[in-house]
Amino acid sequence: MKRTLLSRLGLLALVMAPMLLLAPIASAQLTRVSGTVLDLQGKPYPGVVITITNKADGTKYTVTTDKNGKWAQNGLKIGSYTVNFKKDNIDYTQDMQINGSMADTGAVLPMNFKEIAAKNPAYLEAAKKREEAVNAFKAMKAHFDNGVKAMHDADTLKQQLRTTTDASQKQTMQASLNTDYQTAITEFQQARQGSNEKDPNLPVILRNLSAAYEGAGQYDKAADAAQQAITIKPTPAAYEQLGTELAYQGKMQDAGAACDKAASLDPTDKSTAGICYKNLGIVLTNAGKMADAAGPLQKATQLNPNDAQTWYLLGNSLTAQIDTKKEGGKDVYVIPPGTKEAYQKCLQLQPNGPYATEAKQALAGLDAMTGEHSKQ
């Protein structure tokens, strides 16, 4: 019996032995990496984004240097890593190996970009080019933001002009409005000069420049800027801008073609094409061509059926086409189909909106013509 028990104990010890030997290997060793980053002048470099990537499994760790240029990252396993340092004109990657001997003490990875640049003139030149690009972008963005602010100020003034009755105030506001548009043009032009044909921001700059030219009444230049945006990147928004500017120039056939292109370029984006057709209707309405406005406005309602203003404008356009005919010796009004429905749709969408009062008055006038009572 003793031999059997000893044999069993011996067998158990043999079975357990590999488990004890394997235990330290199964527990992964983790360590800490730290360092100090100095800039191209050899001074502490705060705000540098450091990305540490494990080559084996792709695990990433991100840390940022403090005000003294210091950084630290805990919990790194043994293995090979890439360490990327990125800020402003710096974009530098270095390999790093973490081994078992670093488990207790941790690894230190200092980075002095002044020394790196001195040893590698090509890197210094590349850093200078990146710095120039960064500064150029900052300057371009500053001009763009200034242009956007000027356009916002102009929009505010336009709203005030609609409600102001004082003639002298209107004159002052109009002068300020013209100044805002000219400021926007200048700023967007500067942003354009600070960009290049490969800059993804350029089409946006050009569309904003087009809008600024439009505000200033320079419709030929507005159309040209919109066309430049289309040449670089054709989008529904760019064609909508072009269509509007062509309409202002009286080129309604070309304007309609631009709106058609906005609609076909991205069938899922019905809103932009709807705005394009609505703008055509507004331009024609403002020019006194009410009947001609009906076509584009009807297209706009089909694309943007929830736009109350478009329905109101369509109602006005159809109302302008009311005619009379003799019937039983009396004059009878011939009201185009859909006239009442357009005003009713406007009120349905915005019962207390900016066009509600006028829409109700229009319906009352139509009821008086027909002797009916419209549902409002």
Protein backbone atom coordinates (compact mmCIF):
# COMPACT_ATOMS: atom_id res chain seq x y z
CA MET A 1 0.00 0.00 0.00
CA LYS A 2 2.84 2.44 0.83
CA ARG A 3 4.46 1.81 -2.49
CA THR A 4 1.20 2.49 -4.25
CA LEU A 5 0.72 5.74 -2.34
CA LEU A 6 4.28 6.84 -3.03
CA SER A 7 3.86 5.93 -6.63
CA ARG A 8 0.75 8.04 -6.81
CA LEU A 9 2.44 10.96 -5.07
CA GLY A 10 5.40 10.65 -7.35
CA LEU A 11 3.13 10.67 -10.38
CA LEU A 12 1.28 13.72 -9.05
CA ALA A 13 4.57 15.53 -8.55
CA LEU A 14 5.62 14.72 -12.09
CA VAL A 15 2.32 16.03 -13.44
CA MET A 16 2.51 19.24 -11.37
CA ALA A 17 6.14 19.97 -12.16
CA PRO A 18 5.59 21.21 -15.73
CA MET A 19 2.76 23.41 -14.48
CA LEU A 20 5.08 25.06 -11.97
CA LEU A 21 7.74 25.52 -14.59
CA LEU A 22 5.29 27.04 -17.03
CA ALA A 23 3.66 29.44 -14.59
CA PRO A 24 6.22 32.30 -14.88
CA ILE A 25 6.09 32.10 -18.68
CA ALA A 26 2.28 32.33 -18.76
CA SER A 27 2.38 35.61 -16.81
CA ALA A 28 3.23 38.36 -19.33
CA GLN A 29 5.95 40.82 -18.29
CA LEU A 30 4.96 44.46 -18.53
CA THR A 31 7.22 47.46 -18.37
CA ARG A 32 7.26 51.24 -18.51
CA VAL A 33 8.74 53.47 -21.21
CA SER A 34 9.50 57.14 -20.63
CA GLY A 35 11.54 59.97 -22.07
CA THR A 36 12.00 63.67 -22.71
CA VAL A 37 11.45 65.30 -26.11
CA LEU A 38 13.47 68.35 -27.18
CA ASP A 39 12.54 70.49 -30.21
CA LEU A 40 14.71 71.67 -33.11
CA GLN A 41 16.20 74.34 -30.84
CA GLY A 42 17.02 71.80 -28.13
CA LYS A 43 14.28 73.08 -25.79
CA PRO A 44 11.62 71.00 -24.01
CA TYR A 45 8.82 70.26 -26.47
CA PRO A 46 5.34 70.16 -24.89
CA GLY A 47 2.26 68.82 -26.67
CA VAL A 48 4.04 66.25 -28.84
CA VAL A 49 1.72 63.32 -29.60
CA ILE A 50 3.59 60.04 -29.17
CA THR A 51 2.07 56.88 -30.65
CA ILE A 52 3.60 53.56 -29.61
CA THR A 53 2.59 50.62 -31.80
CA ASN A 54 3.26 46.94 -31.11
CA LYS A 55 4.55 45.47 -34.39
CA ALA A 56 3.23 42.00 -33.58
CA ASP A 57 -0.42 42.68 -32.75
CA GLY A 58 -0.91 46.33 -33.76
CA THR A 59 -1.81 47.48 -30.26
CA LYS A 60 -1.42 51.26 -29.98
CA TYR A 61 -0.68 53.48 -27.01
CA THR A 62 -0.91 57.27 -27.24
CA VAL A 63 0.58 59.78 -24.83
CA THR A 64 1.39 63.51 -25.01
CA THR A 65 4.43 65.29 -23.61
CA ASP A 66 3.86 67.66 -20.68
CA LYS A 67 5.04 71.27 -20.38
CA ASN A 68 8.60 70.02 -19.73
CA GLY A 69 8.59 67.70 -22.74
CA LYS A 70 8.38 64.61 -20.53
CA TRP A 71 6.23 61.57 -21.17
CA ALA A 72 5.69 58.02 -19.89
CA GLN A 73 3.64 54.98 -20.87
CA ASN A 74 3.02 51.95 -18.63
CA GLY A 75 1.87 48.43 -19.44
CA LEU A 76 3.99 47.58 -22.49
CA LYS A 77 4.70 43.91 -23.17
CA ILE A 78 8.01 42.50 -24.32
CA GLY A 79 8.33 42.92 -28.07
CA SER A 80 9.16 45.20 -30.98
CA TYR A 81 7.54 48.61 -31.29
CA THR A 82 7.49 51.71 -33.46
CA VAL A 83 7.36 55.06 -31.68
CA ASN A 84 6.03 58.06 -33.64
CA PHE A 85 6.52 61.66 -32.51
CA LYS A 86 4.18 64.17 -34.12
CA LYS A 87 3.58 67.91 -33.73
CA ASP A 88 3.74 70.89 -36.08
CA ASN A 89 6.60 70.20 -38.50
CA ILE A 90 7.78 67.10 -36.61
CA ASP A 91 6.71 63.66 -37.81
CA TYR A 92 9.37 61.16 -36.80
CA THR A 93 9.24 57.40 -36.22
CA GLN A 94 11.81 55.25 -34.43
CA ASP A 95 11.96 51.51 -33.69
CA MET A 96 12.20 50.31 -30.10
CA GLN A 97 12.81 46.84 -28.62
CA ILE A 98 11.52 45.96 -25.15
CA ASN A 99 13.10 42.92 -23.54
CA GLY A 100 12.87 41.14 -20.21
CA SER A 101 15.77 43.04 -18.65
CA MET A 102 13.64 46.20 -18.73
CA ALA A 103 10.79 44.74 -16.69
CA ASP A 104 12.04 46.16 -13.39
CA THR A 105 13.84 49.33 -14.44
CA GLY A 106 11.72 50.36 -17.44
CA ALA A 107 13.01 51.72 -20.75
CA VAL A 108 14.10 55.27 -21.47
CA LEU A 109 13.75 56.75 -24.95
CA PRO A 110 15.07 60.32 -25.13
CA MET A 111 14.42 62.32 -28.31
CA ASN A 112 16.41 65.42 -29.24
CA PHE A 113 15.31 66.74 -32.63
CA LYS A 114 18.12 69.30 -32.69
CA GLU A 115 20.68 66.49 -32.67
CA ILE A 116 18.68 64.44 -35.18
CA ALA A 117 18.50 67.38 -37.57
CA ALA A 118 22.24 68.08 -37.18
CA LYS A 119 23.08 64.49 -38.08
CA ASN A 120 20.55 64.33 -40.91
CA PRO A 121 20.30 67.52 -43.02
CA ALA A 122 17.65 65.90 -45.22
CA TYR A 123 15.39 65.53 -42.21
CA LEU A 124 15.91 69.18 -41.29
CA GLU A 125 14.94 70.23 -44.81
CA ALA A 126 11.84 68.04 -44.67
CA ALA A 127 10.96 69.51 -41.28
CA LYS A 128 11.27 73.02 -42.70
CA LYS A 129 8.95 72.13 -45.58
CA ARG A 130 6.43 70.68 -43.15
CA GLU A 131 6.68 73.83 -41.05
CA GLU A 132 6.08 75.98 -44.12
CA ALA A 133 3.06 73.85 -45.00
CA VAL A 134 1.69 74.12 -41.46
CA ASN A 135 2.15 77.90 -41.42
CA ALA A 136 0.57 78.21 -44.86
CA PHE A 137 -2.46 76.23 -43.70
CA LYS A 138 -2.81 78.36 -40.58
CA ALA A 139 -2.69 81.53 -42.68
CA MET A 140 -5.17 80.11 -45.19
CA LYS A 141 -7.56 79.05 -42.42
CA ALA A 142 -7.31 82.47 -40.76
CA HIS A 143 -8.32 84.18 -44.01
CA PHE A 144 -11.12 81.66 -44.57
CA ASP A 145 -12.47 82.16 -41.04
CA ASN A 146 -12.36 85.94 -41.52
CA GLY A 147 -14.34 85.55 -44.74
CA VAL A 148 -16.93 83.36 -43.04
CA LYS A 149 -17.31 85.95 -40.25
CA ALA A 150 -17.79 88.74 -42.79
CA MET A 151 -20.49 86.69 -44.56
CA HIS A 152 -22.20 86.01 -41.23
CA ASP A 153 -22.19 89.74 -40.45
CA ALA A 154 -23.63 90.39 -43.90
CA ASP A 155 -26.45 87.88 -43.31
CA THR A 156 -27.29 89.61 -40.03
CA LEU A 157 -27.43 93.00 -41.75
CA LYS A 158 -29.67 91.61 -44.50
CA GLN A 159 -32.15 90.42 -41.88
CA GLN A 160 -32.12 93.84 -40.24
CA LEU A 161 -32.60 95.60 -43.56
CA ARG A 162 -35.81 93.65 -44.18
CA THR A 163 -37.40 95.00 -40.99
CA THR A 164 -35.94 98.52 -40.86
CA THR A 165 -38.15 101.35 -42.09
CA ASP A 166 -35.87 104.27 -41.33
CA ALA A 167 -34.33 105.48 -44.61
CA SER A 168 -31.10 106.79 -43.08
CA GLN A 169 -30.58 103.54 -41.16
CA LYS A 170 -31.14 101.55 -44.32
CA GLN A 171 -28.52 103.60 -46.13
CA THR A 172 -26.00 103.05 -43.32
CA MET A 173 -26.77 99.33 -43.18
CA GLN A 174 -26.45 98.98 -46.94
CA ALA A 175 -23.01 100.61 -46.85
CA SER A 176 -21.95 98.22 -44.07
CA LEU A 177 -23.38 95.32 -46.03
CA ASN A 178 -21.32 96.24 -49.09
CA THR A 179 -18.22 96.51 -46.89
CA ASP A 180 -18.84 93.07 -45.40
CA TYR A 181 -19.16 91.48 -48.84
CA GLN A 182 -15.98 93.16 -50.05
CA THR A 183 -14.15 91.99 -46.91
CA ALA A 184 -15.38 88.46 -47.52
CA ILE A 185 -14.21 88.58 -51.14
CA THR A 186 -10.75 89.80 -50.11
CA GLU A 187 -10.39 87.18 -47.37
CA PHE A 188 -11.57 84.28 -49.53
CA GLN A 189 -9.22 85.43 -52.30
CA GLN A 190 -6.34 85.34 -49.81
CA ALA A 191 -7.41 81.88 -48.71
CA ARG A 192 -7.50 80.84 -52.37
CA GLN A 193 -3.94 82.09 -52.88
CA GLY A 194 -2.81 80.17 -49.82
CA SER A 195 -4.22 76.95 -51.21
CA ASN A 196 -3.35 74.78 -54.22
CA GLU A 197 -5.14 72.56 -56.71
CA LYS A 198 -4.56 69.43 -54.61
CA ASP A 199 -5.90 71.00 -51.41
CA PRO A 200 -9.22 69.29 -50.49
CA ASN A 201 -10.33 72.58 -48.93
CA LEU A 202 -10.09 74.50 -52.22
CA PRO A 203 -13.58 73.68 -53.59
CA VAL A 204 -15.12 74.90 -50.32
CA ILE A 205 -13.08 78.11 -50.50
CA LEU A 206 -14.21 78.70 -54.08
CA ARG A 207 -17.89 78.11 -53.29
CA ASN A 208 -17.68 80.62 -50.44
CA LEU A 209 -15.89 83.08 -52.73
CA SER A 210 -18.71 82.60 -55.24
CA ALA A 211 -21.29 83.41 -52.55
CA ALA A 212 -19.36 86.55 -51.58
CA TYR A 213 -19.26 87.71 -55.21
CA GLU A 214 -23.00 87.04 -55.42
CA GLY A 215 -23.66 89.22 -52.38
CA ALA A 216 -21.67 92.00 -54.01
CA GLY A 217 -23.67 91.64 -57.23
CA GLN A 218 -20.66 90.43 -59.23
CA TYR A 219 -22.48 87.48 -60.76
CA ASP A 220 -20.02 86.77 -63.58
CA LYS A 221 -17.18 86.35 -61.09
CA ALA A 222 -19.47 84.32 -58.83
CA ALA A 223 -20.24 81.92 -61.68
CA ASP A 224 -16.55 81.66 -62.57
CA ALA A 225 -15.61 80.74 -58.98
CA ALA A 226 -18.37 78.12 -58.86
CA GLN A 227 -17.19 76.66 -62.17
CA GLN A 228 -13.64 76.42 -60.80
CA ALA A 229 -14.97 74.47 -57.81
CA ILE A 230 -16.78 72.09 -60.17
CA THR A 231 -13.63 71.56 -62.24
CA ILE A 232 -11.74 70.48 -59.13
CA LYS A 233 -14.54 68.48 -57.50
CA PRO A 234 -18.01 68.29 -59.08
CA THR A 235 -20.61 68.12 -56.30
CA PRO A 236 -24.34 68.92 -56.09
CA ALA A 237 -23.48 71.94 -53.90
CA ALA A 238 -21.10 73.35 -56.50
CA TYR A 239 -23.68 72.93 -59.30
CA GLU A 240 -26.33 74.54 -57.08
CA GLN A 241 -24.03 77.53 -56.65
CA LEU A 242 -23.37 77.71 -60.38
CA GLY A 243 -27.06 77.45 -61.23
CA THR A 244 -27.89 80.34 -58.92
CA GLU A 245 -25.20 82.60 -60.36
CA LEU A 246 -26.21 81.82 -63.94
CA ALA A 247 -29.80 82.66 -63.06
CA TYR A 248 -28.71 86.04 -61.75
CA GLN A 249 -27.06 86.64 -65.12
CA GLY A 250 -30.32 85.83 -66.89
CA LYS A 251 -28.93 82.60 -68.36
CA MET A 252 -31.92 80.56 -67.29
CA GLN A 253 -31.41 77.65 -69.69
CA ASP A 254 -27.83 77.13 -68.47
CA ALA A 255 -29.00 77.64 -64.89
CA GLY A 256 -31.63 74.93 -65.29
CA ALA A 257 -29.01 72.58 -66.75
CA ALA A 258 -26.82 73.18 -63.68
CA CYS A 259 -29.74 72.33 -61.39
CA ASP A 260 -30.44 69.20 -63.44
CA LYS A 261 -26.80 68.21 -62.97
CA ALA A 262 -27.07 68.79 -59.21
CA ALA A 263 -30.08 66.46 -59.16
CA SER A 264 -28.50 63.69 -61.26
CA LEU A 265 -25.02 63.79 -59.74
CA ASP A 266 -26.22 62.39 -56.42
CA PRO A 267 -29.85 61.16 -56.54
CA THR A 268 -29.81 60.67 -52.75
CA ASP A 269 -29.15 64.38 -52.22
CA LYS A 270 -32.49 65.84 -53.26
CA SER A 271 -32.26 68.83 -50.93
CA THR A 272 -29.38 70.55 -52.73
CA ALA A 273 -31.02 70.30 -56.15
CA GLY A 274 -34.26 71.53 -54.59
CA ILE A 275 -32.50 74.62 -53.31
CA CYS A 276 -31.07 75.19 -56.79
CA TYR A 277 -34.49 75.17 -58.44
CA LYS A 278 -35.94 77.32 -55.65
CA ASN A 279 -33.20 79.89 -56.19
CA LEU A 280 -34.09 80.01 -59.87
CA GLY A 281 -37.70 80.64 -58.89
CA ILE A 282 -36.65 83.42 -56.50
CA VAL A 283 -34.50 85.12 -59.13
CA LEU A 284 -37.35 85.00 -61.65
CA THR A 285 -39.85 86.23 -59.04
CA ASN A 286 -37.64 89.16 -58.10
CA ALA A 287 -37.30 89.99 -61.79
CA GLY A 288 -41.09 90.13 -62.13
CA LYS A 289 -41.23 86.97 -64.25
CA MET A 290 -43.78 85.25 -62.02
CA ALA A 291 -45.17 82.87 -64.62
CA ASP A 292 -41.70 81.65 -65.58
CA ALA A 293 -40.93 80.95 -61.92
CA ALA A 294 -43.62 78.25 -61.66
CA GLY A 295 -41.60 75.57 -63.49
CA PRO A 296 -38.48 75.59 -61.31
CA LEU A 297 -40.56 76.09 -58.16
CA GLN A 298 -42.66 73.01 -58.95
CA LYS A 299 -39.48 71.00 -59.38
CA ALA A 300 -38.25 72.39 -56.05
CA THR A 301 -41.42 71.25 -54.25
CA GLN A 302 -41.02 67.77 -55.69
CA LEU A 303 -37.47 67.55 -54.35
CA ASN A 304 -38.05 69.46 -51.09
CA PRO A 305 -41.73 68.92 -50.24
CA ASN A 306 -41.19 70.21 -46.68
CA ASP A 307 -39.96 73.68 -47.64
CA ALA A 308 -42.76 76.11 -46.72
CA GLN A 309 -41.17 79.05 -48.52
CA THR A 310 -41.08 77.17 -51.82
CA TRP A 311 -44.79 76.34 -51.57
CA TYR A 312 -45.59 79.97 -50.80
CA LEU A 313 -43.56 81.19 -53.77
CA LEU A 314 -45.23 78.61 -56.00
CA GLY A 315 -48.63 79.85 -54.86
CA ASN A 316 -47.65 83.40 -55.77
CA SER A 317 -46.37 82.29 -59.17
CA LEU A 318 -49.60 80.46 -59.96
CA THR A 319 -51.71 83.34 -58.63
CA ALA A 320 -49.95 85.66 -61.05
CA GLN A 321 -51.27 83.45 -63.87
CA ILE A 322 -54.96 83.78 -62.92
CA ASP A 323 -57.00 84.74 -65.94
CA THR A 324 -60.66 85.47 -66.65
CA LYS A 325 -63.14 84.14 -69.15
CA LYS A 326 -66.70 84.89 -70.11
CA GLU A 327 -69.23 82.38 -68.86
CA GLY A 328 -72.94 83.09 -69.03
CA GLY A 329 -72.25 86.72 -69.70
CA LYS A 330 -70.12 87.02 -66.58
CA ASP A 331 -66.37 87.18 -65.98
CA VAL A 332 -65.19 83.98 -64.31
CA TYR A 333 -61.74 83.59 -62.80
CA VAL A 334 -59.59 80.79 -64.18
CA ILE A 335 -57.28 79.74 -61.37
CA PRO A 336 -54.34 77.47 -62.28
CA PRO A 337 -54.57 74.02 -60.72
CA GLY A 338 -52.63 73.68 -57.49
CA THR A 339 -52.76 77.36 -56.51
CA LYS A 340 -54.80 76.94 -53.33
CA GLU A 341 -53.01 73.71 -52.52
CA ALA A 342 -49.64 75.48 -52.60
CA TYR A 343 -50.72 78.03 -49.99
CA GLN A 344 -52.39 75.33 -47.89
CA LYS A 345 -49.23 73.25 -47.94
CA CYS A 346 -47.23 76.28 -46.78
CA LEU A 347 -49.60 76.73 -43.82
CA GLN A 348 -49.60 73.02 -43.06
CA LEU A 349 -45.80 73.03 -42.78
CA GLN A 350 -45.52 76.34 -40.90
CA PRO A 351 -48.87 77.47 -39.47
CA ASN A 352 -47.21 80.42 -37.74
CA GLY A 353 -44.20 80.81 -40.02
CA PRO A 354 -42.93 83.93 -41.76
CA TYR A 355 -45.25 83.38 -44.75
CA ALA A 356 -48.36 82.31 -42.82
CA THR A 357 -50.13 85.69 -42.79
CA GLU A 358 -49.60 86.28 -46.51
CA ALA A 359 -50.66 82.71 -47.34
CA LYS A 360 -53.91 83.11 -45.38
CA GLN A 361 -54.62 86.41 -47.11
CA ALA A 362 -53.98 84.81 -50.50
CA LEU A 363 -56.38 81.97 -49.72
CA ALA A 364 -59.03 84.43 -48.60
CA GLY A 365 -58.63 86.28 -51.90
CA LEU A 366 -58.94 83.06 -53.87
CA ASP A 367 -62.07 82.13 -51.92
CA ALA A 368 -63.58 85.48 -52.77
CA MET A 369 -62.93 84.80 -56.46
CA THR A 370 -64.50 81.35 -56.41
CA GLY A 371 -67.09 81.76 -53.69
CA GLU A 372 -65.60 78.79 -51.85
CA HIS A 373 -64.00 78.41 -48.44
CA SER A 374 -60.52 76.94 -48.28
CA LYS A 375 -59.30 74.77 -45.45
CA GLN A 376 -56.38 76.55 -43.74
